[in-house]
Amino acid sequence: KEGILPGTRVIMNAYAHAAAYPTVDVFDAYPITGDAE
């Protein structure tokens, strides 16, 4: 409910850049509620 934490964006970019995965801020293919992350 408070948006993406700054630390989340840092580790997302670090992991994705090193592993050559795309980054996605918000999963929007379909609605999700109650996820662990």
All heavy atoms as atom14 arrays in JSON, in Angstrom:
{
  "sequence": "KEGILPGTRVIMNAYAHAAAYPTVDVFDAYPITGDAE",
  "atom14_mask": [
    [1, 1, 1, 1, 1, 1, 1, 1, 1, 0, 0, 0, 0, 0],
    [1, 1, 1, 1, 1, 1, 1, 1, 1, 0, 0, 0, 0, 0],
    [1, 1, 1, 1, 0, 0, 0, 0, 0, 0, 0, 0, 0, 0],
    [1, 1, 1, 1, 1, 1, 1, 1, 0, 0, 0, 0, 0, 0],
    [1, 1, 1, 1, 1, 1, 1, 1, 0, 0, 0, 0, 0, 0],
    [1, 1, 1, 1, 1, 1, 1, 0, 0, 0, 0, 0, 0, 0],
    [1, 1, 1, 1, 0, 0, 0, 0, 0, 0, 0, 0, 0, 0],
    [1, 1, 1, 1, 1, 1, 1, 0, 0, 0, 0, 0, 0, 0],
    [1, 1, 1, 1, 1, 1, 1, 1, 1, 1, 1, 0, 0, 0],
    [1, 1, 1, 1, 1, 1, 1, 0, 0, 0, 0, 0, 0, 0],
    [1, 1, 1, 1, 1, 1, 1, 1, 0, 0, 0, 0, 0, 0],
    [1, 1, 1, 1, 1, 1, 1, 1, 0, 0, 0, 0, 0, 0],
    [1, 1, 1, 1, 1, 1, 1, 1, 0, 0, 0, 0, 0, 0],
    [1, 1, 1, 1, 1, 0, 0, 0, 0, 0, 0, 0, 0, 0],
    [1, 1, 1, 1, 1, 1, 1, 1, 1, 1, 1, 1, 0, 0],
    [1, 1, 1, 1, 1, 0, 0, 0, 0, 0, 0, 0, 0, 0],
    [1, 1, 1, 1, 1, 1, 1, 1, 1, 1, 0, 0, 0, 0],
    [1, 1, 1, 1, 1, 0, 0, 0, 0, 0, 0, 0, 0, 0],
    [1, 1, 1, 1, 1, 0, 0, 0, 0, 0, 0, 0, 0, 0],
    [1, 1, 1, 1, 1, 0, 0, 0, 0, 0, 0, 0, 0, 0],
    [1, 1, 1, 1, 1, 1, 1, 1, 1, 1, 1, 1, 0, 0],
    [1, 1, 1, 1, 1, 1, 1, 0, 0, 0, 0, 0, 0, 0],
    [1, 1, 1, 1, 1, 1, 1, 0, 0, 0, 0, 0, 0, 0],
    [1, 1, 1, 1, 1, 1, 1, 0, 0, 0, 0, 0, 0, 0],
    [1, 1, 1, 1, 1, 1, 1, 1, 0, 0, 0, 0, 0, 0],
    [1, 1, 1, 1, 1, 1, 1, 0, 0, 0, 0, 0, 0, 0],
    [1, 1, 1, 1, 1, 1, 1, 1, 1, 1, 1, 0, 0, 0],
    [1, 1, 1, 1, 1, 1, 1, 1, 0, 0, 0, 0, 0, 0],
    [1, 1, 1, 1, 1, 0, 0, 0, 0, 0, 0, 0, 0, 0],
    [1, 1, 1, 1, 1, 1, 1, 1, 1, 1, 1, 1, 0, 0],
    [1, 1, 1, 1, 1, 1, 1, 0, 0, 0, 0, 0, 0, 0],
    [1, 1, 1, 1, 1, 1, 1, 1, 0, 0, 0, 0, 0, 0],
    [1, 1, 1, 1, 1, 1, 1, 0, 0, 0, 0, 0, 0, 0],
    [1, 1, 1, 1, 0, 0, 0, 0, 0, 0, 0, 0, 0, 0],
    [1, 1, 1, 1, 1, 1, 1, 1, 0, 0, 0, 0, 0, 0],
    [1, 1, 1, 1, 1, 0, 0, 0, 0, 0, 0, 0, 0, 0],
    [1, 1, 1, 1, 1, 1, 1, 1, 1, 0, 0, 0, 0, 0]
  ],
  "atom14_positions": [
    [[0.81, -1.22, 0.0], [0.0, 0.0, 0.0], [0.84, 1.27, 0.0], [0.31, 2.35, -0.18], [-0.94, 0.0, 1.2], [-1.96, -1.14, 1.16], [-2.83, -1.15, 2.41], [-3.84, -2.3, 2.36], [-4.67, -2.35, 3.59], [0.0, 0.0, 0.0], [0.0, 0.0, 0.0], [0.0, 0.0, 0.0], [0.0, 0.0, 0.0], [0.0, 0.0, 0.0]],
    [[2.15, 1.11, 0.22], [3.02, 2.28, 0.31], [3.96, 2.4, -0.88], [4.9, 3.18, -0.85], [3.82, 2.23, 1.61], [2.95, 2.24, 2.86], [3.76, 2.17, 4.13], [4.98, 2.47, 4.09], [3.2, 1.82, 5.18], [0.0, 0.0, 0.0], [0.0, 0.0, 0.0], [0.0, 0.0, 0.0], [0.0, 0.0, 0.0], [0.0, 0.0, 0.0]],
    [[3.73, 1.61, -1.93], [4.59, 1.67, -3.1], [5.85, 0.84, -2.94], [6.01, 0.09, -1.98], [0.0, 0.0, 0.0], [0.0, 0.0, 0.0], [0.0, 0.0, 0.0], [0.0, 0.0, 0.0], [0.0, 0.0, 0.0], [0.0, 0.0, 0.0], [0.0, 0.0, 0.0], [0.0, 0.0, 0.0], [0.0, 0.0, 0.0], [0.0, 0.0, 0.0]],
    [[6.75, 1.0, -3.89], [7.99, 0.21, -3.92], [9.01, 0.82, -2.97], [9.31, 2.02, -3.05], [8.56, 0.16, -5.35], [7.55, -0.49, -6.3], [9.88, -0.6, -5.37], [7.94, -0.41, -7.76], [0.0, 0.0, 0.0], [0.0, 0.0, 0.0], [0.0, 0.0, 0.0], [0.0, 0.0, 0.0], [0.0, 0.0, 0.0], [0.0, 0.0, 0.0]],
    [[9.56, 0.01, -2.08], [10.59, 0.48, -1.16], [11.87, 0.79, -1.93], [12.2, 0.09, -2.9], [10.88, -0.58, -0.1], [9.72, -1.04, 0.78], [10.16, -2.19, 1.67], [9.19, 0.11, 1.61], [0.0, 0.0, 0.0], [0.0, 0.0, 0.0], [0.0, 0.0, 0.0], [0.0, 0.0, 0.0], [0.0, 0.0, 0.0], [0.0, 0.0, 0.0]],
    [[12.62, 1.82, -1.54], [13.88, 2.12, -2.23], [14.83, 0.94, -2.29], [15.46, 0.68, -3.32], [14.46, 3.27, -1.41], [13.28, 3.93, -0.77], [12.32, 2.81, -0.49], [0.0, 0.0, 0.0], [0.0, 0.0, 0.0], [0.0, 0.0, 0.0], [0.0, 0.0, 0.0], [0.0, 0.0, 0.0], [0.0, 0.0, 0.0], [0.0, 0.0, 0.0]],
    [[14.94, 0.18, -1.19], [15.83, -0.98, -1.18], [15.4, -2.06, -2.13], [16.23, -2.79, -2.69], [0.0, 0.0, 0.0], [0.0, 0.0, 0.0], [0.0, 0.0, 0.0], [0.0, 0.0, 0.0], [0.0, 0.0, 0.0], [0.0, 0.0, 0.0], [0.0, 0.0, 0.0], [0.0, 0.0, 0.0], [0.0, 0.0, 0.0], [0.0, 0.0, 0.0]],
    [[14.09, -2.18, -2.35], [13.57, -3.16, -3.3], [14.04, -2.85, -4.71], [14.48, -3.72, -5.45], [12.03, -3.19, -3.25], [11.6, -3.61, -1.96], [11.47, -4.14, -4.31], [0.0, 0.0, 0.0], [0.0, 0.0, 0.0], [0.0, 0.0, 0.0], [0.0, 0.0, 0.0], [0.0, 0.0, 0.0], [0.0, 0.0, 0.0], [0.0, 0.0, 0.0]],
    [[13.95, -1.58, -5.08], [14.37, -1.2, -6.42], [15.87, -1.43, -6.62], [16.3, -1.86, -7.7], [14.02, 0.26, -6.69], [14.1, 0.63, -8.17], [13.66, 2.06, -8.39], [12.28, 2.29, -8.03], [11.25, 1.95, -8.78], [11.45, 1.34, -9.94], [10.01, 2.21, -8.4], [0.0, 0.0, 0.0], [0.0, 0.0, 0.0], [0.0, 0.0, 0.0]],
    [[16.66, -1.2, -5.58], [18.11, -1.4, -5.67], [18.42, -2.86, -5.96], [19.19, -3.19, -6.88], [18.82, -0.93, -4.39], [20.28, -1.37, -4.4], [18.74, 0.58, -4.26], [0.0, 0.0, 0.0], [0.0, 0.0, 0.0], [0.0, 0.0, 0.0], [0.0, 0.0, 0.0], [0.0, 0.0, 0.0], [0.0, 0.0, 0.0], [0.0, 0.0, 0.0]],
    [[17.85, -3.77, -5.17], [18.21, -5.18, -5.36], [17.56, -5.75, -6.62], [18.12, -6.66, -7.26], [17.9, -6.04, -4.13], [16.41, -6.02, -3.78], [18.75, -5.59, -2.95], [16.05, -7.0, -2.65], [0.0, 0.0, 0.0], [0.0, 0.0, 0.0], [0.0, 0.0, 0.0], [0.0, 0.0, 0.0], [0.0, 0.0, 0.0], [0.0, 0.0, 0.0]],
    [[16.4, -5.23, -7.02], [15.8, -5.65, -8.28], [16.74, -5.32, -9.44], [17.02, -6.18, -10.3], [14.45, -4.98, -8.5], [13.82, -5.27, -9.87], [12.28, -4.37, -10.21], [12.9, -2.68, -10.4], [0.0, 0.0, 0.0], [0.0, 0.0, 0.0], [0.0, 0.0, 0.0], [0.0, 0.0, 0.0], [0.0, 0.0, 0.0], [0.0, 0.0, 0.0]],
    [[17.21, -4.11, -9.47], [18.1, -3.69, -10.55], [19.43, -4.43, -10.51], [19.97, -4.81, -11.56], [18.33, -2.18, -10.49], [17.09, -1.38, -10.87], [16.25, -1.86, -11.62], [16.97, -0.17, -10.35], [0.0, 0.0, 0.0], [0.0, 0.0, 0.0], [0.0, 0.0, 0.0], [0.0, 0.0, 0.0], [0.0, 0.0, 0.0], [0.0, 0.0, 0.0]],
    [[19.97, -4.65, -9.31], [21.25, -5.35, -9.19], [21.13, -6.77, -9.7], [21.96, -7.24, -10.5], [21.71, -5.34, -7.73], [0.0, 0.0, 0.0], [0.0, 0.0, 0.0], [0.0, 0.0, 0.0], [0.0, 0.0, 0.0], [0.0, 0.0, 0.0], [0.0, 0.0, 0.0], [0.0, 0.0, 0.0], [0.0, 0.0, 0.0], [0.0, 0.0, 0.0]],
    [[20.11, -7.49, -9.24], [19.94, -8.89, -9.66], [19.67, -8.97, -11.16], [20.3, -9.76, -11.88], [18.78, -9.51, -8.86], [18.73, -11.02, -8.9], [18.95, -11.75, -7.75], [18.46, -11.73, -10.07], [18.9, -13.15, -7.75], [18.4, -13.12, -10.09], [18.62, -13.82, -8.92], [18.57, -15.2, -8.93], [0.0, 0.0, 0.0], [0.0, 0.0, 0.0]],
    [[18.73, -8.17, -11.62], [18.32, -8.24, -13.03], [19.45, -7.86, -13.97], [19.65, -8.53, -15.0], [17.11, -7.33, -13.26], [0.0, 0.0, 0.0], [0.0, 0.0, 0.0], [0.0, 0.0, 0.0], [0.0, 0.0, 0.0], [0.0, 0.0, 0.0], [0.0, 0.0, 0.0], [0.0, 0.0, 0.0], [0.0, 0.0, 0.0], [0.0, 0.0, 0.0]],
    [[20.18, -6.81, -13.64], [21.28, -6.39, -14.52], [22.34, -7.47, -14.62], [22.8, -7.81, -15.72], [21.89, -5.09, -14.0], [23.06, -4.62, -14.81], [22.92, -4.03, -16.05], [24.41, -4.68, -14.58], [24.12, -3.74, -16.55], [25.03, -4.12, -15.67], [0.0, 0.0, 0.0], [0.0, 0.0, 0.0], [0.0, 0.0, 0.0], [0.0, 0.0, 0.0]],
    [[22.71, -8.07, -13.48], [23.75, -9.1, -13.49], [23.28, -10.37, -14.19], [24.06, -11.05, -14.87], [24.18, -9.41, -12.06], [0.0, 0.0, 0.0], [0.0, 0.0, 0.0], [0.0, 0.0, 0.0], [0.0, 0.0, 0.0], [0.0, 0.0, 0.0], [0.0, 0.0, 0.0], [0.0, 0.0, 0.0], [0.0, 0.0, 0.0], [0.0, 0.0, 0.0]],
    [[21.99, -10.69, -14.04], [21.46, -11.94, -14.59], [20.85, -11.77, -15.98], [20.38, -12.75, -16.57], [20.41, -12.5, -13.64], [0.0, 0.0, 0.0], [0.0, 0.0, 0.0], [0.0, 0.0, 0.0], [0.0, 0.0, 0.0], [0.0, 0.0, 0.0], [0.0, 0.0, 0.0], [0.0, 0.0, 0.0], [0.0, 0.0, 0.0], [0.0, 0.0, 0.0]],
    [[20.83, -10.56, -16.48], [20.27, -10.27, -17.81], [18.79, -10.63, -17.91], [18.32, -11.18, -18.9], [21.06, -11.0, -18.9], [0.0, 0.0, 0.0], [0.0, 0.0, 0.0], [0.0, 0.0, 0.0], [0.0, 0.0, 0.0], [0.0, 0.0, 0.0], [0.0, 0.0, 0.0], [0.0, 0.0, 0.0], [0.0, 0.0, 0.0], [0.0, 0.0, 0.0]],
    [[18.05, -10.29, -16.85], [16.59, -10.37, -16.88], [16.03, -8.96, -17.03], [16.6, -8.0, -16.51], [16.04, -10.95, -15.58], [16.23, -12.43, -15.36], [17.05, -12.9, -14.34], [15.57, -13.37, -16.15], [17.21, -14.24, -14.1], [15.73, -14.72, -15.93], [16.56, -15.16, -14.9], [16.71, -16.5, -14.68], [0.0, 0.0, 0.0], [0.0, 0.0, 0.0]],
    [[14.88, -8.81, -17.68], [14.21, -7.51, -17.66], [13.71, -7.19, -16.24], [13.52, -8.1, -15.42], [13.01, -7.71, -18.6], [13.32, -8.95, -19.38], [14.18, -9.8, -18.51], [0.0, 0.0, 0.0], [0.0, 0.0, 0.0], [0.0, 0.0, 0.0], [0.0, 0.0, 0.0], [0.0, 0.0, 0.0], [0.0, 0.0, 0.0], [0.0, 0.0, 0.0]],
    [[13.52, -5.92, -15.95], [12.94, -5.51, -14.67], [11.51, -5.03, -14.9], [11.19, -4.44, -15.92], [13.74, -4.37, -14.02], [13.77, -3.25, -14.91], [15.16, -4.81, -13.7], [0.0, 0.0, 0.0], [0.0, 0.0, 0.0], [0.0, 0.0, 0.0], [0.0, 0.0, 0.0], [0.0, 0.0, 0.0], [0.0, 0.0, 0.0], [0.0, 0.0, 0.0]],
    [[10.66, -5.32, -13.91], [9.26, -4.9, -13.97], [8.87, -4.36, -12.6], [9.01, -5.06, -11.59], [8.33, -6.06, -14.35], [6.88, -5.58, -14.44], [8.76, -6.7, -15.67], [0.0, 0.0, 0.0], [0.0, 0.0, 0.0], [0.0, 0.0, 0.0], [0.0, 0.0, 0.0], [0.0, 0.0, 0.0], [0.0, 0.0, 0.0], [0.0, 0.0, 0.0]],
    [[8.39, -3.14, -12.56], [7.99, -2.55, -11.28], [6.76, -3.21, -10.7], [6.71, -3.54, -9.51], [7.72, -1.05, -11.44], [8.99, -0.21, -11.43], [10.08, -0.8, -11.27], [8.9, 1.02, -11.6], [0.0, 0.0, 0.0], [0.0, 0.0, 0.0], [0.0, 0.0, 0.0], [0.0, 0.0, 0.0], [0.0, 0.0, 0.0], [0.0, 0.0, 0.0]],
    [[5.74, -3.4, -11.53], [4.46, -3.92, -11.04], [3.96, -5.0, -11.98], [3.87, -4.79, -13.19], [3.41, -2.79, -10.93], [2.08, -3.36, -10.44], [3.89, -1.68, -10.0], [0.0, 0.0, 0.0], [0.0, 0.0, 0.0], [0.0, 0.0, 0.0], [0.0, 0.0, 0.0], [0.0, 0.0, 0.0], [0.0, 0.0, 0.0], [0.0, 0.0, 0.0]],
    [[3.6, -6.15, -11.42], [3.0, -7.22, -12.22], [1.56, -6.83, -12.52], [0.74, -6.63, -11.62], [3.02, -8.53, -11.43], [2.47, -9.7, -12.19], [3.29, -10.45, -13.03], [1.14, -10.06, -12.07], [2.78, -11.53, -13.73], [0.62, -11.13, -12.77], [1.45, -11.88, -13.6], [0.0, 0.0, 0.0], [0.0, 0.0, 0.0], [0.0, 0.0, 0.0]],
    [[1.24, -6.7, -13.81], [-0.1, -6.23, -14.17], [-0.78, -7.12, -15.21], [-1.76, -6.72, -15.83], [-0.03, -4.79, -14.68], [0.86, -4.64, -15.91], [1.41, -5.65, -16.39], [1.01, -3.49, -16.39], [0.0, 0.0, 0.0], [0.0, 0.0, 0.0], [0.0, 0.0, 0.0], [0.0, 0.0, 0.0], [0.0, 0.0, 0.0], [0.0, 0.0, 0.0]],
    [[-0.28, -8.35, -15.37], [-0.91, -9.25, -16.34], [-2.32, -9.63, -15.89], [-3.22, -9.84, -16.72], [-0.06, -10.51, -16.52], [0.0, 0.0, 0.0], [0.0, 0.0, 0.0], [0.0, 0.0, 0.0], [0.0, 0.0, 0.0], [0.0, 0.0, 0.0], [0.0, 0.0, 0.0], [0.0, 0.0, 0.0], [0.0, 0.0, 0.0], [0.0, 0.0, 0.0]],
    [[-2.52, -9.73, -14.59], [-3.83, -9.97, -14.0], [-3.75, -9.56, -12.53], [-2.65, -9.5, -11.96], [-4.3, -11.42, -14.16], [-3.24, -12.46, -13.86], [-3.0, -12.89, -12.55], [-2.48, -13.02, -14.88], [-2.03, -13.83, -12.27], [-1.51, -13.97, -14.62], [-1.3, -14.38, -13.31], [-0.33, -15.31, -13.04], [0.0, 0.0, 0.0], [0.0, 0.0, 0.0]],
    [[-4.88, -9.29, -11.89], [-4.85, -8.81, -10.5], [-4.34, -9.9, -9.54], [-4.71, -11.08, -9.65], [-6.31, -8.47, -10.2], [-6.97, -8.34, -11.53], [-6.25, -9.28, -12.45], [0.0, 0.0, 0.0], [0.0, 0.0, 0.0], [0.0, 0.0, 0.0], [0.0, 0.0, 0.0], [0.0, 0.0, 0.0], [0.0, 0.0, 0.0], [0.0, 0.0, 0.0]],
    [[-3.49, -9.5, -8.61], [-2.97, -10.4, -7.58], [-3.2, -9.76, -6.21], [-2.92, -8.58, -6.02], [-1.48, -10.69, -7.79], [-1.28, -11.6, -8.99], [-0.87, -11.35, -6.55], [0.17, -11.91, -9.28], [0.0, 0.0, 0.0], [0.0, 0.0, 0.0], [0.0, 0.0, 0.0], [0.0, 0.0, 0.0], [0.0, 0.0, 0.0], [0.0, 0.0, 0.0]],
    [[-3.69, -10.54, -5.29], [-3.82, -10.1, -3.9], [-3.17, -11.14, -3.0], [-3.1, -12.32, -3.34], [-5.3, -9.94, -3.51], [-6.0, -11.18, -3.78], [-5.96, -8.83, -4.29], [0.0, 0.0, 0.0], [0.0, 0.0, 0.0], [0.0, 0.0, 0.0], [0.0, 0.0, 0.0], [0.0, 0.0, 0.0], [0.0, 0.0, 0.0], [0.0, 0.0, 0.0]],
    [[-2.67, -10.7, -1.85], [-2.17, -11.62, -0.85], [-0.84, -12.28, -1.16], [-0.57, -13.38, -0.66], [0.0, 0.0, 0.0], [0.0, 0.0, 0.0], [0.0, 0.0, 0.0], [0.0, 0.0, 0.0], [0.0, 0.0, 0.0], [0.0, 0.0, 0.0], [0.0, 0.0, 0.0], [0.0, 0.0, 0.0], [0.0, 0.0, 0.0], [0.0, 0.0, 0.0]],
    [[0.0, -11.63, -1.95], [1.29, -12.26, -2.28], [2.31, -12.02, -1.17], [2.26, -11.04, -0.44], [1.82, -11.74, -3.61], [2.09, -10.25, -3.6], [1.12, -9.48, -3.45], [3.26, -9.84, -3.71], [0.0, 0.0, 0.0], [0.0, 0.0, 0.0], [0.0, 0.0, 0.0], [0.0, 0.0, 0.0], [0.0, 0.0, 0.0], [0.0, 0.0, 0.0]],
    [[3.26, -12.96, -1.06], [4.26, -12.91, 0.01], [5.16, -11.69, -0.11], [5.5, -11.05, 0.9], [5.1, -14.19, -0.01], [0.0, 0.0, 0.0], [0.0, 0.0, 0.0], [0.0, 0.0, 0.0], [0.0, 0.0, 0.0], [0.0, 0.0, 0.0], [0.0, 0.0, 0.0], [0.0, 0.0, 0.0], [0.0, 0.0, 0.0], [0.0, 0.0, 0.0]],
    [[5.57, -11.38, -1.32], [6.46, -10.25, -1.52], [5.8, -8.94, -1.1], [6.43, -8.07, -0.49], [6.9, -10.18, -2.99], [7.7, -11.37, -3.46], [6.85, -12.53, -3.97], [5.63, -12.59, -3.63], [7.37, -13.38, -4.69], [0.0, 0.0, 0.0], [0.0, 0.0, 0.0], [0.0, 0.0, 0.0], [0.0, 0.0, 0.0], [0.0, 0.0, 0.0]]
  ]
}
